[in-house]
Amino acid sequence: MLRAAESGGAFEYVPNIRSSDDENYDAVREVLDGTYGGVQALDLQLFRGGNTLHRVTAPSGPTGRLSLLLSHVENPDHIATPEYVERLWGEVHPLHRERTSDV
């Protein structure tokens, strides 16, 4: 985290709650309802996000929360579609549109 919020903004996660074979909806529902006992919180985390349920609690305060997020792909030619990027990050860099326009 580059700048913490005045309150809230905690990164919460439950490692390996899902797998490629099992979305584990019952446990995910417990996390969302606040009844699951395995939720953890950290300021710095390296993890495989696809199988790890994760979220940030609502930040408050005048400065908000500022985080640095990095990702890795093995194929250097891989670039996410503009639709995926917008859904995930809220905005699309022109490079995403340029690199995927002929796909």
PDB file of N, CA and C in Angstrom:
ATOM      1  N   MET A   1       0.850  -1.165   0.000  1.00  0.00           N
ATOM      2  CA  MET A   1       0.000   0.000   0.000  1.00  0.00           C
ATOM      3  C   MET A   1       0.898   1.232   0.000  1.00  0.00           C
ATOM      4  N   LEU A   2       0.605   2.142  -0.895  1.00  0.00           N
ATOM      5  CA  LEU A   2       1.389   3.370  -0.987  1.00  0.00           C
ATOM      6  C   LEU A   2       0.887   4.444  -0.031  1.00  0.00           C
ATOM      7  N   ARG A   3      -0.440   4.457   0.204  1.00  0.00           N
ATOM      8  CA  ARG A   3      -1.024   5.406   1.150  1.00  0.00           C
ATOM      9  C   ARG A   3      -2.240   4.750   1.783  1.00  0.00           C
ATOM     10  N   ALA A   4      -2.238   4.656   3.082  1.00  0.00           N
ATOM     11  CA  ALA A   4      -3.365   4.052   3.792  1.00  0.00           C
ATOM     12  C   ALA A   4      -4.506   5.051   3.917  1.00  0.00           C
ATOM     13  N   ALA A   5      -5.714   4.550   3.957  1.00  0.00           N
ATOM     14  CA  ALA A   5      -6.881   5.389   4.226  1.00  0.00           C
ATOM     15  C   ALA A   5      -6.901   5.741   5.708  1.00  0.00           C
ATOM     16  N   GLU A   6      -7.647   6.772   6.061  1.00  0.00           N
ATOM     17  CA  GLU A   6      -7.770   7.137   7.473  1.00  0.00           C
ATOM     18  C   GLU A   6      -8.335   5.969   8.280  1.00  0.00           C
ATOM     19  N   SER A   7      -9.303   5.288   7.700  1.00  0.00           N
ATOM     20  CA  SER A   7      -9.829   4.059   8.294  1.00  0.00           C
ATOM     21  C   SER A   7     -10.352   3.190   7.164  1.00  0.00           C
ATOM     22  N   GLY A   8     -10.510   1.910   7.426  1.00  0.00           N
ATOM     23  CA  GLY A   8     -10.944   0.979   6.388  1.00  0.00           C
ATOM     24  C   GLY A   8      -9.832   0.759   5.381  1.00  0.00           C
ATOM     25  N   GLY A   9     -10.178   0.258   4.222  1.00  0.00           N
ATOM     26  CA  GLY A   9      -9.190   0.019   3.173  1.00  0.00           C
ATOM     27  C   GLY A   9      -8.315  -1.191   3.426  1.00  0.00           C
ATOM     28  N   ALA A  10      -8.739  -2.076   4.304  1.00  0.00           N
ATOM     29  CA  ALA A  10      -7.939  -3.271   4.605  1.00  0.00           C
ATOM     30  C   ALA A  10      -8.073  -4.283   3.475  1.00  0.00           C
ATOM     31  N   PHE A  11      -6.968  -4.869   3.077  1.00  0.00           N
ATOM     32  CA  PHE A  11      -6.971  -5.932   2.076  1.00  0.00           C
ATOM     33  C   PHE A  11      -7.295  -7.228   2.798  1.00  0.00           C
ATOM     34  N   GLU A  12      -8.403  -7.832   2.452  1.00  0.00           N
ATOM     35  CA  GLU A  12      -8.827  -9.081   3.072  1.00  0.00           C
ATOM     36  C   GLU A  12      -8.795 -10.190   2.034  1.00  0.00           C
ATOM     37  N   TYR A  13      -8.414 -11.380   2.477  1.00  0.00           N
ATOM     38  CA  TYR A  13      -8.352 -12.495   1.536  1.00  0.00           C
ATOM     39  C   TYR A  13      -8.545 -13.819   2.248  1.00  0.00           C
ATOM     40  N   VAL A  14      -8.943 -14.811   1.474  1.00  0.00           N
ATOM     41  CA  VAL A  14      -9.084 -16.185   1.954  1.00  0.00           C
ATOM     42  C   VAL A  14      -8.345 -17.059   0.951  1.00  0.00           C
ATOM     43  N   PRO A  15      -7.143 -17.510   1.293  1.00  0.00           N
ATOM     44  CA  PRO A  15      -6.345 -18.274   0.325  1.00  0.00           C
ATOM     45  C   PRO A  15      -6.962 -19.622  -0.013  1.00  0.00           C
ATOM     46  N   ASN A  16      -6.884 -19.950  -1.283  1.00  0.00           N
ATOM     47  CA  ASN A  16      -7.281 -21.271  -1.792  1.00  0.00           C
ATOM     48  C   ASN A  16      -8.692 -21.681  -1.407  1.00  0.00           C
ATOM     49  N   ILE A  17      -9.591 -20.727  -1.330  1.00  0.00           N
ATOM     50  CA  ILE A  17     -10.981 -21.055  -1.008  1.00  0.00           C
ATOM     51  C   ILE A  17     -11.685 -21.660  -2.223  1.00  0.00           C
ATOM     52  N   ARG A  18     -11.146 -21.380  -3.417  1.00  0.00           N
ATOM     53  CA  ARG A  18     -11.716 -21.913  -4.652  1.00  0.00           C
ATOM     54  C   ARG A  18     -10.644 -22.659  -5.423  1.00  0.00           C
ATOM     55  N   SER A  19     -11.082 -23.436  -6.382  1.00  0.00           N
ATOM     56  CA  SER A  19     -10.156 -24.125  -7.281  1.00  0.00           C
ATOM     57  C   SER A  19     -10.751 -24.110  -8.672  1.00  0.00           C
ATOM     58  N   SER A  20      -9.991 -24.577  -9.636  1.00  0.00           N
ATOM     59  CA  SER A  20     -10.520 -24.625 -10.999  1.00  0.00           C
ATOM     60  C   SER A  20     -11.658 -25.632 -11.126  1.00  0.00           C
ATOM     61  N   ASP A  21     -11.770 -26.557 -10.172  1.00  0.00           N
ATOM     62  CA  ASP A  21     -12.825 -27.567 -10.198  1.00  0.00           C
ATOM     63  C   ASP A  21     -13.998 -27.252  -9.278  1.00  0.00           C
ATOM     64  N   ASP A  22     -13.808 -26.328  -8.327  1.00  0.00           N
ATOM     65  CA  ASP A  22     -14.846 -26.079  -7.332  1.00  0.00           C
ATOM     66  C   ASP A  22     -14.830 -24.602  -6.923  1.00  0.00           C
ATOM     67  N   GLU A  23     -15.891 -23.873  -7.262  1.00  0.00           N
ATOM     68  CA  GLU A  23     -15.993 -22.459  -6.881  1.00  0.00           C
ATOM     69  C   GLU A  23     -16.315 -22.291  -5.397  1.00  0.00           C
ATOM     70  N   ASN A  24     -16.738 -23.358  -4.722  1.00  0.00           N
ATOM     71  CA  ASN A  24     -16.980 -23.363  -3.274  1.00  0.00           C
ATOM     72  C   ASN A  24     -17.936 -22.239  -2.858  1.00  0.00           C
ATOM     73  N   TYR A  25     -19.080 -22.184  -3.493  1.00  0.00           N
ATOM     74  CA  TYR A  25     -20.037 -21.110  -3.279  1.00  0.00           C
ATOM     75  C   TYR A  25     -20.514 -20.995  -1.827  1.00  0.00           C
ATOM     76  N   ASP A  26     -20.639 -22.116  -1.125  1.00  0.00           N
ATOM     77  CA  ASP A  26     -21.100 -22.052   0.265  1.00  0.00           C
ATOM     78  C   ASP A  26     -20.116 -21.276   1.133  1.00  0.00           C
ATOM     79  N   ALA A  27     -18.815 -21.562   0.987  1.00  0.00           N
ATOM     80  CA  ALA A  27     -17.804 -20.849   1.775  1.00  0.00           C
ATOM     81  C   ALA A  27     -17.713 -19.388   1.349  1.00  0.00           C
ATOM     82  N   VAL A  28     -17.812 -19.118   0.051  1.00  0.00           N
ATOM     83  CA  VAL A  28     -17.782 -17.726  -0.430  1.00  0.00           C
ATOM     84  C   VAL A  28     -18.963 -16.960   0.157  1.00  0.00           C
ATOM     85  N   ARG A  29     -20.133 -17.578   0.207  1.00  0.00           N
ATOM     86  CA  ARG A  29     -21.309 -16.936   0.800  1.00  0.00           C
ATOM     87  C   ARG A  29     -21.046 -16.603   2.271  1.00  0.00           C
ATOM     88  N   GLU A  30     -20.394 -17.507   3.004  1.00  0.00           N
ATOM     89  CA  GLU A  30     -20.066 -17.243   4.404  1.00  0.00           C
ATOM     90  C   GLU A  30     -19.107 -16.053   4.538  1.00  0.00           C
ATOM     91  N   VAL A  31     -18.139 -15.958   3.622  1.00  0.00           N
ATOM     92  CA  VAL A  31     -17.228 -14.811   3.647  1.00  0.00           C
ATOM     93  C   VAL A  31     -18.016 -13.524   3.454  1.00  0.00           C
ATOM     94  N   LEU A  32     -18.881 -13.501   2.456  1.00  0.00           N
ATOM     95  CA  LEU A  32     -19.656 -12.305   2.161  1.00  0.00           C
ATOM     96  C   LEU A  32     -20.630 -11.958   3.276  1.00  0.00           C
ATOM     97  N   ASP A  33     -21.126 -12.970   3.983  1.00  0.00           N
ATOM     98  CA  ASP A  33     -22.043 -12.748   5.110  1.00  0.00           C
ATOM     99  C   ASP A  33     -21.308 -12.394   6.400  1.00  0.00           C
ATOM    100  N   GLY A  34     -19.989 -12.549   6.410  1.00  0.00           N
ATOM    101  CA  GLY A  34     -19.209 -12.247   7.608  1.00  0.00           C
ATOM    102  C   GLY A  34     -19.167 -13.362   8.626  1.00  0.00           C
ATOM    103  N   THR A  35     -19.509 -14.590   8.215  1.00  0.00           N
ATOM    104  CA  THR A  35     -19.537 -15.705   9.161  1.00  0.00           C
ATOM    105  C   THR A  35     -18.399 -16.703   8.951  1.00  0.00           C
ATOM    106  N   TYR A  36     -17.571 -16.488   7.956  1.00  0.00           N
ATOM    107  CA  TYR A  36     -16.456 -17.405   7.664  1.00  0.00           C
ATOM    108  C   TYR A  36     -15.279 -17.039   8.556  1.00  0.00           C
ATOM    109  N   GLY A  37     -14.648 -18.032   9.160  1.00  0.00           N
ATOM    110  CA  GLY A  37     -13.581 -17.775  10.121  1.00  0.00           C
ATOM    111  C   GLY A  37     -12.190 -17.641   9.552  1.00  0.00           C
ATOM    112  N   GLY A  38     -12.004 -17.828   8.250  1.00  0.00           N
ATOM    113  CA  GLY A  38     -10.656 -17.851   7.702  1.00  0.00           C
ATOM    114  C   GLY A  38     -10.217 -16.613   6.953  1.00  0.00           C
ATOM    115  N   VAL A  39     -10.909 -15.473   7.130  1.00  0.00           N
ATOM    116  CA  VAL A  39     -10.528 -14.245   6.431  1.00  0.00           C
ATOM    117  C   VAL A  39      -9.271 -13.677   7.083  1.00  0.00           C
ATOM    118  N   GLN A  40      -8.288 -13.323   6.261  1.00  0.00           N
ATOM    119  CA  GLN A  40      -7.035 -12.761   6.748  1.00  0.00           C
ATOM    120  C   GLN A  40      -6.863 -11.362   6.167  1.00  0.00           C
ATOM    121  N   ALA A  41      -6.034 -10.546   6.803  1.00  0.00           N
ATOM    122  CA  ALA A  41      -5.772  -9.190   6.311  1.00  0.00           C
ATOM    123  C   ALA A  41      -4.275  -8.915   6.360  1.00  0.00           C
ATOM    124  N   LEU A  42      -3.759  -8.284   5.306  1.00  0.00           N
ATOM    125  CA  LEU A  42      -2.340  -7.928   5.226  1.00  0.00           C
ATOM    126  C   LEU A  42      -2.176  -6.621   4.465  1.00  0.00           C
ATOM    127  N   ASP A  43      -1.034  -5.963   4.664  1.00  0.00           N
ATOM    128  CA  ASP A  43      -0.703  -4.767   3.884  1.00  0.00           C
ATOM    129  C   ASP A  43       0.003  -5.130   2.585  1.00  0.00           C
ATOM    130  N   LEU A  44       0.734  -6.232   2.554  1.00  0.00           N
ATOM    131  CA  LEU A  44       1.441  -6.663   1.356  1.00  0.00           C
ATOM    132  C   LEU A  44       1.158  -8.138   1.156  1.00  0.00           C
ATOM    133  N   GLN A  45       0.760  -8.494  -0.042  1.00  0.00           N
ATOM    134  CA  GLN A  45       0.433  -9.891  -0.306  1.00  0.00           C
ATOM    135  C   GLN A  45       0.802 -10.238  -1.730  1.00  0.00           C
ATOM    136  N   LEU A  46       1.474 -11.342  -1.904  1.00  0.00           N
ATOM    137  CA  LEU A  46       1.733 -11.920  -3.215  1.00  0.00           C
ATOM    138  C   LEU A  46       0.941 -13.210  -3.267  1.00  0.00           C
ATOM    139  N   PHE A  47       0.070 -13.329  -4.236  1.00  0.00           N
ATOM    140  CA  PHE A  47      -0.789 -14.500  -4.269  1.00  0.00           C
ATOM    141  C   PHE A  47      -1.313 -14.737  -5.670  1.00  0.00           C
ATOM    142  N   ARG A  48      -1.851 -15.921  -5.863  1.00  0.00           N
ATOM    143  CA  ARG A  48      -2.514 -16.260  -7.116  1.00  0.00           C
ATOM    144  C   ARG A  48      -3.984 -15.882  -6.963  1.00  0.00           C
ATOM    145  N   GLY A  49      -4.323 -14.718  -7.466  1.00  0.00           N
ATOM    146  CA  GLY A  49      -5.644 -14.151  -7.233  1.00  0.00           C
ATOM    147  C   GLY A  49      -6.799 -14.922  -7.816  1.00  0.00           C
ATOM    148  N   GLY A  50      -6.557 -15.744  -8.835  1.00  0.00           N
ATOM    149  CA  GLY A  50      -7.645 -16.473  -9.463  1.00  0.00           C
ATOM    150  C   GLY A  50      -8.355 -17.435  -8.543  1.00  0.00           C
ATOM    151  N   ASN A  51      -7.637 -18.036  -7.599  1.00  0.00           N
ATOM    152  CA  ASN A  51      -8.239 -18.995  -6.687  1.00  0.00           C
ATOM    153  C   ASN A  51      -8.380 -18.450  -5.274  1.00  0.00           C
ATOM    154  N   THR A  52      -8.050 -17.204  -5.083  1.00  0.00           N
ATOM    155  CA  THR A  52      -8.106 -16.595  -3.763  1.00  0.00           C
ATOM    156  C   THR A  52      -9.152 -15.493  -3.763  1.00  0.00           C
ATOM    157  N   LEU A  53     -10.181 -15.683  -2.962  1.00  0.00           N
ATOM    158  CA  LEU A  53     -11.195 -14.645  -2.823  1.00  0.00           C
ATOM    159  C   LEU A  53     -10.539 -13.459  -2.126  1.00  0.00           C
ATOM    160  N   HIS A  54     -10.665 -12.266  -2.709  1.00  0.00           N
ATOM    161  CA  HIS A  54     -10.040 -11.095  -2.103  1.00  0.00           C
ATOM    162  C   HIS A  54     -10.876  -9.850  -2.337  1.00  0.00           C
ATOM    163  N   ARG A  55     -10.706  -8.886  -1.428  1.00  0.00           N
ATOM    164  CA  ARG A  55     -11.447  -7.632  -1.497  1.00  0.00           C
ATOM    165  C   ARG A  55     -10.729  -6.595  -0.641  1.00  0.00           C
ATOM    166  N   VAL A  56     -11.172  -5.348  -0.760  1.00  0.00           N
ATOM    167  CA  VAL A  56     -10.686  -4.269   0.090  1.00  0.00           C
ATOM    168  C   VAL A  56     -11.893  -3.692   0.804  1.00  0.00           C
ATOM    169  N   THR A  57     -11.786  -3.560   2.121  1.00  0.00           N
ATOM    170  CA  THR A  57     -12.894  -2.960   2.856  1.00  0.00           C
ATOM    171  C   THR A  57     -13.022  -1.492   2.458  1.00  0.00           C
ATOM    172  N   ALA A  58     -14.196  -0.929   2.631  1.00  0.00           N
ATOM    173  CA  ALA A  58     -14.466   0.440   2.199  1.00  0.00           C
ATOM    174  C   ALA A  58     -13.547   1.429   2.915  1.00  0.00           C
ATOM    175  N   PRO A  59     -12.725   2.157   2.153  1.00  0.00           N
ATOM    176  CA  PRO A  59     -11.855   3.154   2.785  1.00  0.00           C
ATOM    177  C   PRO A  59     -12.626   4.432   3.089  1.00  0.00           C
ATOM    178  N   SER A  60     -12.150   5.178   4.092  1.00  0.00           N
ATOM    179  CA  SER A  60     -12.751   6.475   4.383  1.00  0.00           C
ATOM    180  C   SER A  60     -11.651   7.458   4.753  1.00  0.00           C
ATOM    181  N   GLY A  61     -11.988   8.704   4.735  1.00  0.00           N
ATOM    182  CA  GLY A  61     -11.021   9.751   5.031  1.00  0.00           C
ATOM    183  C   GLY A  61     -10.782  10.605   3.807  1.00  0.00           C
ATOM    184  N   PRO A  62     -10.168  11.759   4.004  1.00  0.00           N
ATOM    185  CA  PRO A  62     -10.012  12.715   2.895  1.00  0.00           C
ATOM    186  C   PRO A  62      -9.043  12.271   1.802  1.00  0.00           C
ATOM    187  N   THR A  63      -8.085  11.415   2.122  1.00  0.00           N
ATOM    188  CA  THR A  63      -7.094  11.039   1.108  1.00  0.00           C
ATOM    189  C   THR A  63      -7.375   9.705   0.448  1.00  0.00           C
ATOM    190  N   GLY A  64      -8.269   8.901   1.001  1.00  0.00           N
ATOM    191  CA  GLY A  64      -8.557   7.594   0.413  1.00  0.00           C
ATOM    192  C   GLY A  64      -7.385   6.640   0.550  1.00  0.00           C
ATOM    193  N   ARG A  65      -7.359   5.649  -0.288  1.00  0.00           N
ATOM    194  CA  ARG A  65      -6.357   4.596  -0.254  1.00  0.00           C
ATOM    195  C   ARG A  65      -5.683   4.555  -1.609  1.00  0.00           C
ATOM    196  N   LEU A  66      -4.367   4.372  -1.620  1.00  0.00           N
ATOM    197  CA  LEU A  66      -3.630   4.277  -2.867  1.00  0.00           C
ATOM    198  C   LEU A  66      -2.770   3.028  -2.820  1.00  0.00           C
ATOM    199  N   SER A  67      -2.980   2.129  -3.775  1.00  0.00           N
ATOM    200  CA  SER A  67      -2.261   0.863  -3.799  1.00  0.00           C
ATOM    201  C   SER A  67      -1.538   0.675  -5.115  1.00  0.00           C
ATOM    202  N   LEU A  68      -0.476  -0.063  -5.073  1.00  0.00           N
ATOM    203  CA  LEU A  68       0.257  -0.453  -6.261  1.00  0.00           C
ATOM    204  C   LEU A  68      -0.036  -1.923  -6.512  1.00  0.00           C
ATOM    205  N   LEU A  69      -0.554  -2.244  -7.685  1.00  0.00           N
ATOM    206  CA  LEU A  69      -0.888  -3.616  -8.027  1.00  0.00           C
ATOM    207  C   LEU A  69      -0.056  -4.047  -9.228  1.00  0.00           C
ATOM    208  N   LEU A  70       0.588  -5.176  -9.106  1.00  0.00           N
ATOM    209  CA  LEU A  70       1.389  -5.725 -10.186  1.00  0.00           C
ATOM    210  C   LEU A  70       0.808  -7.076 -10.579  1.00  0.00           C
ATOM    211  N   SER A  71       0.943  -7.422 -11.840  1.00  0.00           N
ATOM    212  CA  SER A  71       0.519  -8.748 -12.272  1.00  0.00           C
ATOM    213  C   SER A  71       1.577  -9.321 -13.202  1.00  0.00           C
ATOM    214  N   HIS A  72       1.503 -10.611 -13.405  1.00  0.00           N
ATOM    215  CA  HIS A  72       2.498 -11.297 -14.219  1.00  0.00           C
ATOM    216  C   HIS A  72       1.813 -12.271 -15.166  1.00  0.00           C
ATOM    217  N   VAL A  73       2.249 -12.289 -16.394  1.00  0.00           N
ATOM    218  CA  VAL A  73       1.818 -13.304 -17.346  1.00  0.00           C
ATOM    219  C   VAL A  73       3.066 -13.934 -17.947  1.00  0.00           C
ATOM    220  N   GLU A  74       2.982 -15.205 -18.290  1.00  0.00           N
ATOM    221  CA  GLU A  74       4.146 -15.896 -18.843  1.00  0.00           C
ATOM    222  C   GLU A  74       4.355 -15.587 -20.315  1.00  0.00           C
ATOM    223  N   ASN A  75       3.297 -15.306 -21.059  1.00  0.00           N
ATOM    224  CA  ASN A  75       3.386 -15.019 -22.481  1.00  0.00           C
ATOM    225  C   ASN A  75       3.525 -13.505 -22.678  1.00  0.00           C
ATOM    226  N   PRO A  76       4.671 -13.016 -23.150  1.00  0.00           N
ATOM    227  CA  PRO A  76       4.867 -11.567 -23.285  1.00  0.00           C
ATOM    228  C   PRO A  76       3.930 -10.916 -24.310  1.00  0.00           C
ATOM    229  N   ASP A  77       3.309 -11.689 -25.181  1.00  0.00           N
ATOM    230  CA  ASP A  77       2.376 -11.136 -26.155  1.00  0.00           C
ATOM    231  C   ASP A  77       0.940 -11.070 -25.643  1.00  0.00           C
ATOM    232  N   HIS A  78       0.712 -11.605 -24.447  1.00  0.00           N
ATOM    233  CA  HIS A  78      -0.641 -11.599 -23.890  1.00  0.00           C
ATOM    234  C   HIS A  78      -0.992 -10.199 -23.386  1.00  0.00           C
ATOM    235  N   ILE A  79      -2.150  -9.724 -23.757  1.00  0.00           N
ATOM    236  CA  ILE A  79      -2.675  -8.474 -23.213  1.00  0.00           C
ATOM    237  C   ILE A  79      -4.174  -8.657 -23.039  1.00  0.00           C
ATOM    238  N   ALA A  80      -4.680  -8.200 -21.932  1.00  0.00           N
ATOM    239  CA  ALA A  80      -6.095  -8.387 -21.617  1.00  0.00           C
ATOM    240  C   ALA A  80      -6.966  -7.575 -22.573  1.00  0.00           C
ATOM    241  N   THR A  81      -8.187  -8.039 -22.750  1.00  0.00           N
ATOM    242  CA  THR A  81      -9.122  -7.308 -23.606  1.00  0.00           C
ATOM    243  C   THR A  81      -9.535  -6.013 -22.906  1.00  0.00           C
ATOM    244  N   PRO A  82      -9.897  -4.992 -23.686  1.00  0.00           N
ATOM    245  CA  PRO A  82     -10.351  -3.735 -23.073  1.00  0.00           C
ATOM    246  C   PRO A  82     -11.547  -3.937 -22.131  1.00  0.00           C
ATOM    247  N   GLU A  83     -12.447  -4.848 -22.479  1.00  0.00           N
ATOM    248  CA  GLU A  83     -13.613  -5.101 -21.641  1.00  0.00           C
ATOM    249  C   GLU A  83     -13.200  -5.656 -20.273  1.00  0.00           C
ATOM    250  N   TYR A  84     -12.263  -6.585 -20.280  1.00  0.00           N
ATOM    251  CA  TYR A  84     -11.785  -7.173 -19.022  1.00  0.00           C
ATOM    252  C   TYR A  84     -11.075  -6.117 -18.182  1.00  0.00           C
ATOM    253  N   VAL A  85     -10.223  -5.337 -18.814  1.00  0.00           N
ATOM    254  CA  VAL A  85      -9.458  -4.309 -18.095  1.00  0.00           C
ATOM    255  C   VAL A  85     -10.396  -3.272 -17.476  1.00  0.00           C
ATOM    256  N   GLU A  86     -11.398  -2.852 -18.230  1.00  0.00           N
ATOM    257  CA  GLU A  86     -12.332  -1.864 -17.695  1.00  0.00           C
ATOM    258  C   GLU A  86     -13.120  -2.425 -16.520  1.00  0.00           C
ATOM    259  N   ARG A  87     -13.525  -3.687 -16.615  1.00  0.00           N
ATOM    260  CA  ARG A  87     -14.272  -4.309 -15.512  1.00  0.00           C
ATOM    261  C   ARG A  87     -13.394  -4.425 -14.268  1.00  0.00           C
ATOM    262  N   LEU A  88     -12.127  -4.756 -14.463  1.00  0.00           N
ATOM    263  CA  LEU A  88     -11.216  -4.970 -13.336  1.00  0.00           C
ATOM    264  C   LEU A  88     -10.716  -3.665 -12.737  1.00  0.00           C
ATOM    265  N   TRP A  89     -10.284  -2.728 -13.581  1.00  0.00           N
ATOM    266  CA  TRP A  89      -9.603  -1.522 -13.096  1.00  0.00           C
ATOM    267  C   TRP A  89     -10.425  -0.251 -13.240  1.00  0.00           C
ATOM    268  N   GLY A  90     -11.495  -0.276 -14.048  1.00  0.00           N
ATOM    269  CA  GLY A  90     -12.335   0.897 -14.188  1.00  0.00           C
ATOM    270  C   GLY A  90     -11.952   1.814 -15.331  1.00  0.00           C
ATOM    271  N   GLU A  91     -10.785   1.623 -15.921  1.00  0.00           N
ATOM    272  CA  GLU A  91     -10.378   2.432 -17.073  1.00  0.00           C
ATOM    273  C   GLU A  91      -9.452   1.592 -17.948  1.00  0.00           C
ATOM    274  N   VAL A  92      -9.325   2.001 -19.203  1.00  0.00           N
ATOM    275  CA  VAL A  92      -8.556   1.229 -20.179  1.00  0.00           C
ATOM    276  C   VAL A  92      -7.427   2.093 -20.743  1.00  0.00           C
ATOM    277  N   HIS A  93      -6.228   1.568 -20.719  1.00  0.00           N
ATOM    278  CA  HIS A  93      -5.087   2.257 -21.332  1.00  0.00           C
ATOM    279  C   HIS A  93      -5.202   2.091 -22.846  1.00  0.00           C
ATOM    280  N   PRO A  94      -4.836   3.117 -23.630  1.00  0.00           N
ATOM    281  CA  PRO A  94      -4.927   3.008 -25.094  1.00  0.00           C
ATOM    282  C   PRO A  94      -4.176   1.804 -25.658  1.00  0.00           C
ATOM    283  N   LEU A  95      -3.120   1.353 -25.007  1.00  0.00           N
ATOM    284  CA  LEU A  95      -2.372   0.187 -25.482  1.00  0.00           C
ATOM    285  C   LEU A  95      -3.254  -1.053 -25.546  1.00  0.00           C
ATOM    286  N   HIS A  96      -4.180  -1.208 -24.601  1.00  0.00           N
ATOM    287  CA  HIS A  96      -5.080  -2.363 -24.632  1.00  0.00           C
ATOM    288  C   HIS A  96      -5.956  -2.334 -25.880  1.00  0.00           C
ATOM    289  N   ARG A  97      -6.467  -1.168 -26.212  1.00  0.00           N
ATOM    290  CA  ARG A  97      -7.314  -1.054 -27.420  1.00  0.00           C
ATOM    291  C   ARG A  97      -6.483  -1.274 -28.681  1.00  0.00           C
ATOM    292  N   GLU A  98      -5.288  -0.709 -28.706  1.00  0.00           N
ATOM    293  CA  GLU A  98      -4.414  -0.839 -29.885  1.00  0.00           C
ATOM    294  C   GLU A  98      -3.997  -2.285 -30.109  1.00  0.00           C
ATOM    295  N   ARG A  99      -3.566  -2.978 -29.056  1.00  0.00           N
ATOM    296  CA  ARG A  99      -3.047  -4.331 -29.194  1.00  0.00           C
ATOM    297  C   ARG A  99      -4.121  -5.364 -29.459  1.00  0.00           C
ATOM    298  N   THR A 100      -5.377  -5.054 -29.098  1.00  0.00           N
ATOM    299  CA  THR A 100      -6.449  -6.045 -29.277  1.00  0.00           C
ATOM    300  C   THR A 100      -7.383  -5.680 -30.424  1.00  0.00           C
ATOM    301  N   SER A 101      -7.134  -4.593 -31.147  1.00  0.00           N
ATOM    302  CA  SER A 101      -8.058  -4.164 -32.204  1.00  0.00           C
ATOM    303  C   SER A 101      -8.098  -5.122 -33.378  1.00  0.00           C
ATOM    304  N   ASP A 102      -7.031  -5.874 -33.608  1.00  0.00           N
ATOM    305  CA  ASP A 102      -7.016  -6.786 -34.761  1.00  0.00           C
ATOM    306  C   ASP A 102      -7.203  -8.252 -34.351  1.00  0.00           C
ATOM    307  N   VAL A 103      -7.608  -8.468 -33.120  1.00  0.00           N
ATOM    308  CA  VAL A 103      -7.806  -9.849 -32.638  1.00  0.00           C
ATOM    309  C   VAL A 103      -9.186 -10.331 -33.000  1.00  0.00           C
TER     310      VAL A 103
END
